[in-house]
Amino acid sequence: IQSDYLSNKYDQAKNGVERVKYYKLLGSLPSHSLNHCLKIAT
């Protein structure tokens, strides 16, 4: 939800400064795609 919100804000940004801000916020989001993969597989 946070990632999609920031992506929409990034697309709607009117200048490069706002794009950089939202790009950094997107990059600061924690990883979640492979959470608990080892535990579930084991």
All heavy atoms as atom14 arrays in JSON, in Angstrom:
{
  "sequence": "IQSDYLSNKYDQAKNGVERVKYYKLLGSLPSHSLNHCLKIAT",
  "atom14_mask": [
    [1, 1, 1, 1, 1, 1, 1, 1, 0, 0, 0, 0, 0, 0],
    [1, 1, 1, 1, 1, 1, 1, 1, 1, 0, 0, 0, 0, 0],
    [1, 1, 1, 1, 1, 1, 0, 0, 0, 0, 0, 0, 0, 0],
    [1, 1, 1, 1, 1, 1, 1, 1, 0, 0, 0, 0, 0, 0],
    [1, 1, 1, 1, 1, 1, 1, 1, 1, 1, 1, 1, 0, 0],
    [1, 1, 1, 1, 1, 1, 1, 1, 0, 0, 0, 0, 0, 0],
    [1, 1, 1, 1, 1, 1, 0, 0, 0, 0, 0, 0, 0, 0],
    [1, 1, 1, 1, 1, 1, 1, 1, 0, 0, 0, 0, 0, 0],
    [1, 1, 1, 1, 1, 1, 1, 1, 1, 0, 0, 0, 0, 0],
    [1, 1, 1, 1, 1, 1, 1, 1, 1, 1, 1, 1, 0, 0],
    [1, 1, 1, 1, 1, 1, 1, 1, 0, 0, 0, 0, 0, 0],
    [1, 1, 1, 1, 1, 1, 1, 1, 1, 0, 0, 0, 0, 0],
    [1, 1, 1, 1, 1, 0, 0, 0, 0, 0, 0, 0, 0, 0],
    [1, 1, 1, 1, 1, 1, 1, 1, 1, 0, 0, 0, 0, 0],
    [1, 1, 1, 1, 1, 1, 1, 1, 0, 0, 0, 0, 0, 0],
    [1, 1, 1, 1, 0, 0, 0, 0, 0, 0, 0, 0, 0, 0],
    [1, 1, 1, 1, 1, 1, 1, 0, 0, 0, 0, 0, 0, 0],
    [1, 1, 1, 1, 1, 1, 1, 1, 1, 0, 0, 0, 0, 0],
    [1, 1, 1, 1, 1, 1, 1, 1, 1, 1, 1, 0, 0, 0],
    [1, 1, 1, 1, 1, 1, 1, 0, 0, 0, 0, 0, 0, 0],
    [1, 1, 1, 1, 1, 1, 1, 1, 1, 0, 0, 0, 0, 0],
    [1, 1, 1, 1, 1, 1, 1, 1, 1, 1, 1, 1, 0, 0],
    [1, 1, 1, 1, 1, 1, 1, 1, 1, 1, 1, 1, 0, 0],
    [1, 1, 1, 1, 1, 1, 1, 1, 1, 0, 0, 0, 0, 0],
    [1, 1, 1, 1, 1, 1, 1, 1, 0, 0, 0, 0, 0, 0],
    [1, 1, 1, 1, 1, 1, 1, 1, 0, 0, 0, 0, 0, 0],
    [1, 1, 1, 1, 0, 0, 0, 0, 0, 0, 0, 0, 0, 0],
    [1, 1, 1, 1, 1, 1, 0, 0, 0, 0, 0, 0, 0, 0],
    [1, 1, 1, 1, 1, 1, 1, 1, 0, 0, 0, 0, 0, 0],
    [1, 1, 1, 1, 1, 1, 1, 0, 0, 0, 0, 0, 0, 0],
    [1, 1, 1, 1, 1, 1, 0, 0, 0, 0, 0, 0, 0, 0],
    [1, 1, 1, 1, 1, 1, 1, 1, 1, 1, 0, 0, 0, 0],
    [1, 1, 1, 1, 1, 1, 0, 0, 0, 0, 0, 0, 0, 0],
    [1, 1, 1, 1, 1, 1, 1, 1, 0, 0, 0, 0, 0, 0],
    [1, 1, 1, 1, 1, 1, 1, 1, 0, 0, 0, 0, 0, 0],
    [1, 1, 1, 1, 1, 1, 1, 1, 1, 1, 0, 0, 0, 0],
    [1, 1, 1, 1, 1, 1, 0, 0, 0, 0, 0, 0, 0, 0],
    [1, 1, 1, 1, 1, 1, 1, 1, 0, 0, 0, 0, 0, 0],
    [1, 1, 1, 1, 1, 1, 1, 1, 1, 0, 0, 0, 0, 0],
    [1, 1, 1, 1, 1, 1, 1, 1, 0, 0, 0, 0, 0, 0],
    [1, 1, 1, 1, 1, 0, 0, 0, 0, 0, 0, 0, 0, 0],
    [1, 1, 1, 1, 1, 1, 1, 0, 0, 0, 0, 0, 0, 0]
  ],
  "atom14_positions": [
    [[0.84, -1.21, 0.0], [0.0, 0.0, 0.0], [0.87, 1.26, 0.0], [0.63, 2.21, -0.76], [-0.95, -0.01, 1.22], [-2.01, -1.1, 1.04], [-1.61, 1.35, 1.4], [-2.89, -1.3, 2.25], [0.0, 0.0, 0.0], [0.0, 0.0, 0.0], [0.0, 0.0, 0.0], [0.0, 0.0, 0.0], [0.0, 0.0, 0.0], [0.0, 0.0, 0.0]],
    [[1.9, 1.25, 0.83], [2.81, 2.4, 0.87], [3.56, 2.55, -0.45], [3.74, 3.66, -0.96], [3.81, 2.25, 2.03], [3.16, 2.25, 3.4], [4.17, 2.01, 4.51], [5.36, 2.28, 4.35], [3.7, 1.49, 5.63], [0.0, 0.0, 0.0], [0.0, 0.0, 0.0], [0.0, 0.0, 0.0], [0.0, 0.0, 0.0], [0.0, 0.0, 0.0]],
    [[3.99, 1.41, -1.02], [4.75, 1.46, -2.26], [3.9, 1.99, -3.41], [4.36, 2.83, -4.19], [5.27, 0.05, -2.59], [5.95, 0.04, -3.84], [0.0, 0.0, 0.0], [0.0, 0.0, 0.0], [0.0, 0.0, 0.0], [0.0, 0.0, 0.0], [0.0, 0.0, 0.0], [0.0, 0.0, 0.0], [0.0, 0.0, 0.0], [0.0, 0.0, 0.0]],
    [[2.66, 1.51, -3.51], [1.78, 2.0, -4.58], [1.45, 3.48, -4.4], [1.36, 4.24, -5.38], [0.49, 1.17, -4.6], [0.71, -0.24, -5.12], [1.84, -0.52, -5.59], [-0.22, -1.06, -5.06], [0.0, 0.0, 0.0], [0.0, 0.0, 0.0], [0.0, 0.0, 0.0], [0.0, 0.0, 0.0], [0.0, 0.0, 0.0], [0.0, 0.0, 0.0]],
    [[1.28, 3.9, -3.16], [1.0, 5.32, -2.9], [2.17, 6.19, -3.33], [1.99, 7.21, -4.01], [0.7, 5.5, -1.42], [0.55, 6.95, -1.0], [-0.62, 7.65, -1.25], [1.61, 7.61, -0.37], [-0.75, 8.98, -0.87], [1.49, 8.93, 0.02], [0.31, 9.62, -0.24], [0.2, 10.94, 0.13], [0.0, 0.0, 0.0], [0.0, 0.0, 0.0]],
    [[3.39, 5.78, -2.94], [4.57, 6.57, -3.3], [4.82, 6.52, -4.8], [5.29, 7.52, -5.39], [5.8, 6.06, -2.55], [5.78, 6.28, -1.02], [6.97, 5.59, -0.36], [5.79, 7.77, -0.69], [0.0, 0.0, 0.0], [0.0, 0.0, 0.0], [0.0, 0.0, 0.0], [0.0, 0.0, 0.0], [0.0, 0.0, 0.0], [0.0, 0.0, 0.0]],
    [[4.52, 5.41, -5.45], [4.7, 5.31, -6.9], [3.76, 6.28, -7.62], [4.14, 6.93, -8.61], [4.44, 3.88, -7.38], [5.39, 2.99, -6.82], [0.0, 0.0, 0.0], [0.0, 0.0, 0.0], [0.0, 0.0, 0.0], [0.0, 0.0, 0.0], [0.0, 0.0, 0.0], [0.0, 0.0, 0.0], [0.0, 0.0, 0.0], [0.0, 0.0, 0.0]],
    [[2.52, 6.36, -7.14], [1.58, 7.31, -7.72], [2.04, 8.75, -7.51], [1.93, 9.59, -8.43], [0.18, 7.11, -7.12], [-0.45, 5.8, -7.55], [-0.16, 5.29, -8.64], [-1.32, 5.25, -6.72], [0.0, 0.0, 0.0], [0.0, 0.0, 0.0], [0.0, 0.0, 0.0], [0.0, 0.0, 0.0], [0.0, 0.0, 0.0], [0.0, 0.0, 0.0]],
    [[2.55, 9.02, -6.32], [3.06, 10.37, -6.06], [4.27, 10.68, -6.94], [4.44, 11.82, -7.41], [3.46, 10.49, -4.58], [2.28, 10.57, -3.63], [1.51, 11.87, -3.81], [0.4, 12.01, -2.81], [-0.36, 13.29, -3.01], [0.0, 0.0, 0.0], [0.0, 0.0, 0.0], [0.0, 0.0, 0.0], [0.0, 0.0, 0.0], [0.0, 0.0, 0.0]],
    [[5.1, 9.67, -7.17], [6.27, 9.86, -8.03], [5.84, 10.2, -9.47], [6.41, 11.08, -10.12], [7.11, 8.59, -8.02], [8.33, 8.63, -8.93], [9.53, 9.2, -8.51], [8.26, 8.1, -10.22], [10.64, 9.24, -9.35], [9.35, 8.13, -11.06], [10.54, 8.71, -10.62], [11.64, 8.75, -11.47], [0.0, 0.0, 0.0], [0.0, 0.0, 0.0]],
    [[4.81, 9.49, -9.94], [4.32, 9.75, -11.3], [3.68, 11.14, -11.42], [3.71, 11.77, -12.49], [3.31, 8.68, -11.72], [3.95, 7.32, -11.84], [5.19, 7.25, -12.0], [3.22, 6.31, -11.76], [0.0, 0.0, 0.0], [0.0, 0.0, 0.0], [0.0, 0.0, 0.0], [0.0, 0.0, 0.0], [0.0, 0.0, 0.0], [0.0, 0.0, 0.0]],
    [[3.09, 11.61, -10.32], [2.39, 12.9, -10.35], [3.3, 14.08, -10.0], [2.83, 15.23, -10.0], [1.21, 12.86, -9.39], [0.14, 11.84, -9.76], [-0.9, 11.65, -8.66], [-0.88, 12.37, -7.66], [-1.8, 10.69, -8.87], [0.0, 0.0, 0.0], [0.0, 0.0, 0.0], [0.0, 0.0, 0.0], [0.0, 0.0, 0.0], [0.0, 0.0, 0.0]],
    [[4.56, 13.77, -9.67], [5.49, 14.85, -9.28], [5.7, 15.82, -10.43], [5.81, 15.43, -11.6], [6.81, 14.25, -8.83], [0.0, 0.0, 0.0], [0.0, 0.0, 0.0], [0.0, 0.0, 0.0], [0.0, 0.0, 0.0], [0.0, 0.0, 0.0], [0.0, 0.0, 0.0], [0.0, 0.0, 0.0], [0.0, 0.0, 0.0], [0.0, 0.0, 0.0]],
    [[5.76, 17.11, -10.08], [5.86, 18.15, -11.1], [7.29, 18.54, -11.41], [7.56, 19.18, -12.43], [5.08, 19.39, -10.65], [3.59, 19.12, -10.5], [2.85, 20.36, -10.02], [1.37, 20.07, -9.86], [0.61, 21.26, -9.37], [0.0, 0.0, 0.0], [0.0, 0.0, 0.0], [0.0, 0.0, 0.0], [0.0, 0.0, 0.0], [0.0, 0.0, 0.0]],
    [[8.23, 18.19, -10.54], [9.62, 18.56, -10.79], [10.54, 17.44, -10.31], [10.12, 16.49, -9.63], [9.98, 19.88, -10.1], [9.63, 19.86, -8.61], [10.07, 19.01, -7.88], [8.79, 20.82, -8.19], [0.0, 0.0, 0.0], [0.0, 0.0, 0.0], [0.0, 0.0, 0.0], [0.0, 0.0, 0.0], [0.0, 0.0, 0.0], [0.0, 0.0, 0.0]],
    [[11.83, 17.6, -10.65], [12.82, 16.58, -10.32], [13.06, 16.44, -8.83], [13.36, 15.34, -8.34], [0.0, 0.0, 0.0], [0.0, 0.0, 0.0], [0.0, 0.0, 0.0], [0.0, 0.0, 0.0], [0.0, 0.0, 0.0], [0.0, 0.0, 0.0], [0.0, 0.0, 0.0], [0.0, 0.0, 0.0], [0.0, 0.0, 0.0], [0.0, 0.0, 0.0]],
    [[12.93, 17.51, -8.08], [13.18, 17.44, -6.63], [12.16, 16.53, -5.96], [12.51, 15.69, -5.12], [13.11, 18.86, -6.02], [13.26, 18.79, -4.5], [14.19, 19.74, -6.61], [0.0, 0.0, 0.0], [0.0, 0.0, 0.0], [0.0, 0.0, 0.0], [0.0, 0.0, 0.0], [0.0, 0.0, 0.0], [0.0, 0.0, 0.0], [0.0, 0.0, 0.0]],
    [[10.87, 16.7, -6.35], [9.84, 15.83, -5.77], [10.03, 14.38, -6.18], [9.83, 13.46, -5.38], [8.46, 16.32, -6.21], [8.03, 17.62, -5.57], [6.6, 17.97, -5.91], [5.97, 17.18, -6.64], [6.13, 19.01, -5.44], [0.0, 0.0, 0.0], [0.0, 0.0, 0.0], [0.0, 0.0, 0.0], [0.0, 0.0, 0.0], [0.0, 0.0, 0.0]],
    [[10.45, 14.18, -7.44], [10.69, 12.8, -7.9], [11.8, 12.14, -7.1], [11.71, 10.97, -6.72], [11.03, 12.8, -9.39], [9.84, 13.05, -10.31], [10.21, 12.72, -11.74], [9.1, 12.97, -12.65], [8.9, 14.11, -13.28], [9.77, 15.11, -13.12], [7.87, 14.27, -14.08], [0.0, 0.0, 0.0], [0.0, 0.0, 0.0], [0.0, 0.0, 0.0]],
    [[12.87, 12.89, -6.85], [13.99, 12.34, -6.05], [13.52, 12.01, -4.64], [13.89, 10.97, -4.06], [15.16, 13.35, -6.02], [16.22, 12.89, -5.01], [15.78, 13.48, -7.39], [0.0, 0.0, 0.0], [0.0, 0.0, 0.0], [0.0, 0.0, 0.0], [0.0, 0.0, 0.0], [0.0, 0.0, 0.0], [0.0, 0.0, 0.0], [0.0, 0.0, 0.0]],
    [[12.69, 12.89, -4.08], [12.2, 12.64, -2.72], [11.38, 11.35, -2.66], [11.59, 10.5, -1.78], [11.34, 13.83, -2.27], [10.82, 13.68, -0.84], [9.98, 14.87, -0.42], [8.64, 14.82, -1.14], [7.7, 15.86, -0.61], [0.0, 0.0, 0.0], [0.0, 0.0, 0.0], [0.0, 0.0, 0.0], [0.0, 0.0, 0.0], [0.0, 0.0, 0.0]],
    [[10.44, 11.21, -3.59], [9.61, 10.0, -3.58], [10.4, 8.75, -3.97], [10.12, 7.64, -3.51], [8.41, 10.18, -4.51], [7.4, 11.16, -3.98], [7.06, 12.3, -4.7], [6.78, 10.95, -2.75], [6.14, 13.22, -4.21], [5.86, 11.86, -2.25], [5.54, 12.99, -2.98], [4.64, 13.89, -2.48], [0.0, 0.0, 0.0], [0.0, 0.0, 0.0]],
    [[11.41, 8.92, -4.81], [12.26, 7.79, -5.19], [13.05, 7.28, -3.97], [13.19, 6.07, -3.77], [13.22, 8.2, -6.31], [14.12, 7.09, -6.77], [13.65, 6.12, -7.65], [15.44, 6.99, -6.32], [14.47, 5.08, -8.06], [16.26, 5.97, -6.73], [15.77, 5.01, -7.61], [16.59, 3.99, -8.02], [0.0, 0.0, 0.0], [0.0, 0.0, 0.0]],
    [[13.55, 8.22, -3.17], [14.28, 7.82, -1.96], [13.35, 7.16, -0.95], [13.72, 6.19, -0.28], [14.94, 9.05, -1.34], [16.14, 9.56, -2.11], [16.78, 10.75, -1.4], [18.02, 11.24, -2.15], [18.65, 12.4, -1.47], [0.0, 0.0, 0.0], [0.0, 0.0, 0.0], [0.0, 0.0, 0.0], [0.0, 0.0, 0.0], [0.0, 0.0, 0.0]],
    [[12.13, 7.68, -0.84], [11.16, 7.06, 0.07], [10.8, 5.64, -0.38], [10.65, 4.73, 0.45], [9.9, 7.91, 0.14], [10.03, 9.24, 0.89], [8.76, 10.06, 0.75], [10.34, 9.01, 2.36], [0.0, 0.0, 0.0], [0.0, 0.0, 0.0], [0.0, 0.0, 0.0], [0.0, 0.0, 0.0], [0.0, 0.0, 0.0], [0.0, 0.0, 0.0]],
    [[10.67, 5.46, -1.71], [10.44, 4.11, -2.23], [11.59, 3.17, -1.91], [11.4, 2.01, -1.55], [10.21, 4.16, -3.74], [8.81, 4.52, -4.23], [8.83, 4.79, -5.73], [7.83, 3.4, -3.92], [0.0, 0.0, 0.0], [0.0, 0.0, 0.0], [0.0, 0.0, 0.0], [0.0, 0.0, 0.0], [0.0, 0.0, 0.0], [0.0, 0.0, 0.0]],
    [[12.8, 3.68, -2.06], [13.97, 2.86, -1.78], [14.15, 2.54, -0.31], [14.82, 1.56, 0.04], [0.0, 0.0, 0.0], [0.0, 0.0, 0.0], [0.0, 0.0, 0.0], [0.0, 0.0, 0.0], [0.0, 0.0, 0.0], [0.0, 0.0, 0.0], [0.0, 0.0, 0.0], [0.0, 0.0, 0.0], [0.0, 0.0, 0.0], [0.0, 0.0, 0.0]],
    [[13.57, 3.36, 0.57], [13.71, 3.13, 2.01], [12.7, 2.1, 2.55], [12.8, 1.69, 3.71], [13.53, 4.44, 2.76], [12.2, 4.94, 2.6], [0.0, 0.0, 0.0], [0.0, 0.0, 0.0], [0.0, 0.0, 0.0], [0.0, 0.0, 0.0], [0.0, 0.0, 0.0], [0.0, 0.0, 0.0], [0.0, 0.0, 0.0], [0.0, 0.0, 0.0]],
    [[11.72, 1.7, 1.73], [10.75, 0.7, 2.19], [11.45, -0.65, 2.41], [12.28, -1.06, 1.61], [9.62, 0.54, 1.16], [8.67, 1.72, 0.99], [7.67, 1.43, -0.12], [7.93, 2.0, 2.3], [0.0, 0.0, 0.0], [0.0, 0.0, 0.0], [0.0, 0.0, 0.0], [0.0, 0.0, 0.0], [0.0, 0.0, 0.0], [0.0, 0.0, 0.0]],
    [[11.11, -1.32, 3.51], [11.78, -2.6, 3.79], [11.4, -3.69, 2.79], [10.33, -3.65, 2.18], [11.28, -2.95, 5.19], [10.0, -2.21, 5.33], [10.13, -0.96, 4.53], [0.0, 0.0, 0.0], [0.0, 0.0, 0.0], [0.0, 0.0, 0.0], [0.0, 0.0, 0.0], [0.0, 0.0, 0.0], [0.0, 0.0, 0.0], [0.0, 0.0, 0.0]],
    [[12.3, -4.67, 2.66], [12.03, -5.8, 1.77], [11.0, -6.73, 2.41], [10.99, -6.93, 3.62], [13.33, -6.56, 1.49], [13.08, -7.71, 0.73], [0.0, 0.0, 0.0], [0.0, 0.0, 0.0], [0.0, 0.0, 0.0], [0.0, 0.0, 0.0], [0.0, 0.0, 0.0], [0.0, 0.0, 0.0], [0.0, 0.0, 0.0], [0.0, 0.0, 0.0]],
    [[10.15, -7.32, 1.6], [9.1, -8.18, 2.14], [8.81, -9.39, 1.24], [8.11, -10.32, 1.65], [7.8, -7.39, 2.29], [7.22, -6.95, 0.98], [6.3, -7.7, 0.29], [7.46, -5.87, 0.2], [5.98, -7.09, -0.84], [6.66, -5.96, -0.93], [0.0, 0.0, 0.0], [0.0, 0.0, 0.0], [0.0, 0.0, 0.0], [0.0, 0.0, 0.0]],
    [[9.34, -9.4, 0.04], [8.96, -10.41, -0.94], [9.33, -11.82, -0.5], [8.59, -12.77, -0.73], [9.58, -10.1, -2.3], [9.15, -11.03, -3.27], [0.0, 0.0, 0.0], [0.0, 0.0, 0.0], [0.0, 0.0, 0.0], [0.0, 0.0, 0.0], [0.0, 0.0, 0.0], [0.0, 0.0, 0.0], [0.0, 0.0, 0.0], [0.0, 0.0, 0.0]],
    [[10.5, -11.98, 0.15], [10.99, -13.32, 0.52], [10.97, -13.55, 2.03], [11.7, -14.42, 2.53], [12.4, -13.52, -0.03], [12.55, -13.46, -1.56], [14.0, -13.59, -1.96], [11.72, -14.56, -2.22], [0.0, 0.0, 0.0], [0.0, 0.0, 0.0], [0.0, 0.0, 0.0], [0.0, 0.0, 0.0], [0.0, 0.0, 0.0], [0.0, 0.0, 0.0]],
    [[10.15, -12.8, 2.74], [10.09, -12.96, 4.2], [9.69, -14.39, 4.58], [8.76, -14.96, 4.0], [9.07, -11.98, 4.79], [9.65, -10.59, 4.93], [10.78, -10.33, 4.49], [8.88, -9.68, 5.51], [0.0, 0.0, 0.0], [0.0, 0.0, 0.0], [0.0, 0.0, 0.0], [0.0, 0.0, 0.0], [0.0, 0.0, 0.0], [0.0, 0.0, 0.0]],
    [[10.4, -14.94, 5.56], [10.13, -16.27, 6.13], [10.21, -17.38, 5.08], [9.65, -18.47, 5.3], [8.75, -16.32, 6.79], [8.61, -15.4, 7.96], [9.57, -15.29, 8.94], [7.61, -14.55, 8.32], [9.18, -14.42, 9.86], [8.0, -13.94, 9.5], [0.0, 0.0, 0.0], [0.0, 0.0, 0.0], [0.0, 0.0, 0.0], [0.0, 0.0, 0.0]],
    [[10.9, -17.14, 3.98], [10.98, -18.17, 2.93], [11.66, -19.43, 3.44], [11.19, -20.55, 3.21], [11.73, -17.6, 1.72], [11.87, -18.77, 0.35], [0.0, 0.0, 0.0], [0.0, 0.0, 0.0], [0.0, 0.0, 0.0], [0.0, 0.0, 0.0], [0.0, 0.0, 0.0], [0.0, 0.0, 0.0], [0.0, 0.0, 0.0], [0.0, 0.0, 0.0]],
    [[12.78, -19.26, 4.14], [13.52, -20.41, 4.66], [12.68, -21.19, 5.68], [12.66, -22.43, 5.65], [14.83, -19.95, 5.3], [15.72, -21.05, 5.9], [16.13, -22.04, 4.82], [16.94, -20.44, 6.57], [0.0, 0.0, 0.0], [0.0, 0.0, 0.0], [0.0, 0.0, 0.0], [0.0, 0.0, 0.0], [0.0, 0.0, 0.0], [0.0, 0.0, 0.0]],
    [[11.97, -20.49, 6.56], [11.15, -21.16, 7.57], [10.02, -21.95, 6.92], [9.77, -23.11, 7.27], [10.58, -20.13, 8.54], [11.63, -19.42, 9.38], [10.98, -18.37, 10.27], [12.03, -17.61, 11.08], [11.42, -16.54, 11.89], [0.0, 0.0, 0.0], [0.0, 0.0, 0.0], [0.0, 0.0, 0.0], [0.0, 0.0, 0.0], [0.0, 0.0, 0.0]],
    [[9.33, -21.31, 5.97], [8.19, -21.97, 5.32], [8.65, -23.19, 4.52], [8.02, -24.25, 4.54], [7.44, -20.97, 4.43], [6.77, -19.91, 5.3], [6.41, -21.67, 3.55], [6.1, -18.79, 4.53], [0.0, 0.0, 0.0], [0.0, 0.0, 0.0], [0.0, 0.0, 0.0], [0.0, 0.0, 0.0], [0.0, 0.0, 0.0], [0.0, 0.0, 0.0]],
    [[9.77, -23.05, 3.81], [10.3, -24.17, 3.02], [10.74, -25.32, 3.93], [10.47, -26.5, 3.64], [11.47, -23.7, 2.16], [0.0, 0.0, 0.0], [0.0, 0.0, 0.0], [0.0, 0.0, 0.0], [0.0, 0.0, 0.0], [0.0, 0.0, 0.0], [0.0, 0.0, 0.0], [0.0, 0.0, 0.0], [0.0, 0.0, 0.0], [0.0, 0.0, 0.0]],
    [[11.4, -24.98, 5.04], [11.87, -26.02, 5.97], [10.7, -26.75, 6.61], [10.7, -27.99, 6.7], [12.74, -25.38, 7.07], [13.85, -24.71, 6.46], [13.26, -26.44, 8.03], [0.0, 0.0, 0.0], [0.0, 0.0, 0.0], [0.0, 0.0, 0.0], [0.0, 0.0, 0.0], [0.0, 0.0, 0.0], [0.0, 0.0, 0.0], [0.0, 0.0, 0.0]]
  ]
}
